[in-house]
Amino acid sequence: MTIGGVSIILIGGLLNLMLLLFQLFSGLHYIKVPLGVHKKTGITLVITAFIHGILGIISNL
């Protein structure tokens, strides 16, 4: 499973890393964002992490 020669799982992992860092920095108030944005990106992080994990499991079968 690749997009332009790059693994979809790798892309998902990098997306999760960026979302995780955003959550960390906005939670520590280094980045000032409204609470609603912080909550929505947290939900997005959970969903993308779940999809990332499922794709990783499927790729090993």
C-alpha atoms as a PDB file:
ATOM      1  CA  MET A   1       0.000   0.000   0.000  1.00  0.00           C
ATOM      2  CA  THR A   2       1.828   3.046  -1.251  1.00  0.00           C
ATOM      3  CA  ILE A   3       1.080   6.529  -2.495  1.00  0.00           C
ATOM      4  CA  GLY A   4       3.740   7.778  -4.882  1.00  0.00           C
ATOM      5  CA  GLY A   5       6.171   5.147  -3.611  1.00  0.00           C
ATOM      6  CA  VAL A   6       5.670   6.114   0.050  1.00  0.00           C
ATOM      7  CA  SER A   7       3.912   3.754   2.443  1.00  0.00           C
ATOM      8  CA  ILE A   8       0.447   4.802   3.608  1.00  0.00           C
ATOM      9  CA  ILE A   9       1.384   3.529   7.064  1.00  0.00           C
ATOM     10  CA  LEU A  10       4.431   5.830   7.141  1.00  0.00           C
ATOM     11  CA  ILE A  11       2.287   8.798   6.091  1.00  0.00           C
ATOM     12  CA  GLY A  12      -0.206   7.946   8.834  1.00  0.00           C
ATOM     13  CA  GLY A  13       2.573   7.708  11.400  1.00  0.00           C
ATOM     14  CA  LEU A  14       3.939  11.112  10.449  1.00  0.00           C
ATOM     15  CA  LEU A  15       0.442  12.602  10.590  1.00  0.00           C
ATOM     16  CA  ASN A  16      -0.031  11.104  14.051  1.00  0.00           C
ATOM     17  CA  LEU A  17       3.308  12.534  15.180  1.00  0.00           C
ATOM     18  CA  MET A  18       2.321  16.016  14.004  1.00  0.00           C
ATOM     19  CA  LEU A  19      -1.077  15.768  15.701  1.00  0.00           C
ATOM     20  CA  LEU A  20       0.531  14.490  18.901  1.00  0.00           C
ATOM     21  CA  LEU A  21       3.037  17.350  18.965  1.00  0.00           C
ATOM     22  CA  PHE A  22       0.242  19.852  18.332  1.00  0.00           C
ATOM     23  CA  GLN A  23      -1.757  18.370  21.209  1.00  0.00           C
ATOM     24  CA  LEU A  24       1.274  18.530  23.493  1.00  0.00           C
ATOM     25  CA  PHE A  25       2.195  22.112  22.669  1.00  0.00           C
ATOM     26  CA  SER A  26      -1.373  23.395  22.763  1.00  0.00           C
ATOM     27  CA  GLY A  27      -2.012  21.564  26.036  1.00  0.00           C
ATOM     28  CA  LEU A  28       1.062  23.154  27.596  1.00  0.00           C
ATOM     29  CA  HIS A  29      -0.098  26.523  26.186  1.00  0.00           C
ATOM     30  CA  TYR A  30       3.006  27.048  24.039  1.00  0.00           C
ATOM     31  CA  ILE A  31       0.525  27.401  21.167  1.00  0.00           C
ATOM     32  CA  LYS A  32      -2.586  29.397  22.041  1.00  0.00           C
ATOM     33  CA  VAL A  33      -5.664  27.765  20.489  1.00  0.00           C
ATOM     34  CA  PRO A  34      -9.298  27.654  21.595  1.00  0.00           C
ATOM     35  CA  LEU A  35     -10.404  24.630  23.605  1.00  0.00           C
ATOM     36  CA  GLY A  36     -12.647  23.494  20.745  1.00  0.00           C
ATOM     37  CA  VAL A  37      -9.677  23.217  18.376  1.00  0.00           C
ATOM     38  CA  HIS A  38      -7.722  21.250  20.970  1.00  0.00           C
ATOM     39  CA  LYS A  39     -10.636  18.842  21.468  1.00  0.00           C
ATOM     40  CA  LYS A  40     -11.226  18.341  17.723  1.00  0.00           C
ATOM     41  CA  THR A  41      -7.562  17.631  17.010  1.00  0.00           C
ATOM     42  CA  GLY A  42      -7.537  15.175  19.920  1.00  0.00           C
ATOM     43  CA  ILE A  43     -10.479  13.311  18.397  1.00  0.00           C
ATOM     44  CA  THR A  44      -8.751  13.386  15.006  1.00  0.00           C
ATOM     45  CA  LEU A  45      -5.602  11.981  16.625  1.00  0.00           C
ATOM     46  CA  VAL A  46      -7.519   9.056  18.125  1.00  0.00           C
ATOM     47  CA  ILE A  47      -9.209   8.247  14.812  1.00  0.00           C
ATOM     48  CA  THR A  48      -6.021   8.464  12.728  1.00  0.00           C
ATOM     49  CA  ALA A  49      -4.061   6.441  15.313  1.00  0.00           C
ATOM     50  CA  PHE A  50      -6.743   3.743  15.174  1.00  0.00           C
ATOM     51  CA  ILE A  51      -6.631   3.636  11.364  1.00  0.00           C
ATOM     52  CA  HIS A  52      -2.817   3.648  11.452  1.00  0.00           C
ATOM     53  CA  GLY A  53      -2.807   0.686  13.833  1.00  0.00           C
ATOM     54  CA  ILE A  54      -5.364  -1.288  11.813  1.00  0.00           C
ATOM     55  CA  LEU A  55      -3.375  -0.749   8.609  1.00  0.00           C
ATOM     56  CA  GLY A  56      -0.198  -1.855  10.378  1.00  0.00           C
ATOM     57  CA  ILE A  57      -1.870  -5.049  11.582  1.00  0.00           C
ATOM     58  CA  ILE A  58      -3.371  -5.774   8.154  1.00  0.00           C
ATOM     59  CA  SER A  59      -0.027  -5.236   6.405  1.00  0.00           C
ATOM     60  CA  ASN A  60       1.618  -7.911   8.576  1.00  0.00           C
ATOM     61  CA  LEU A  61      -0.939 -10.613   7.751  1.00  0.00           C
END
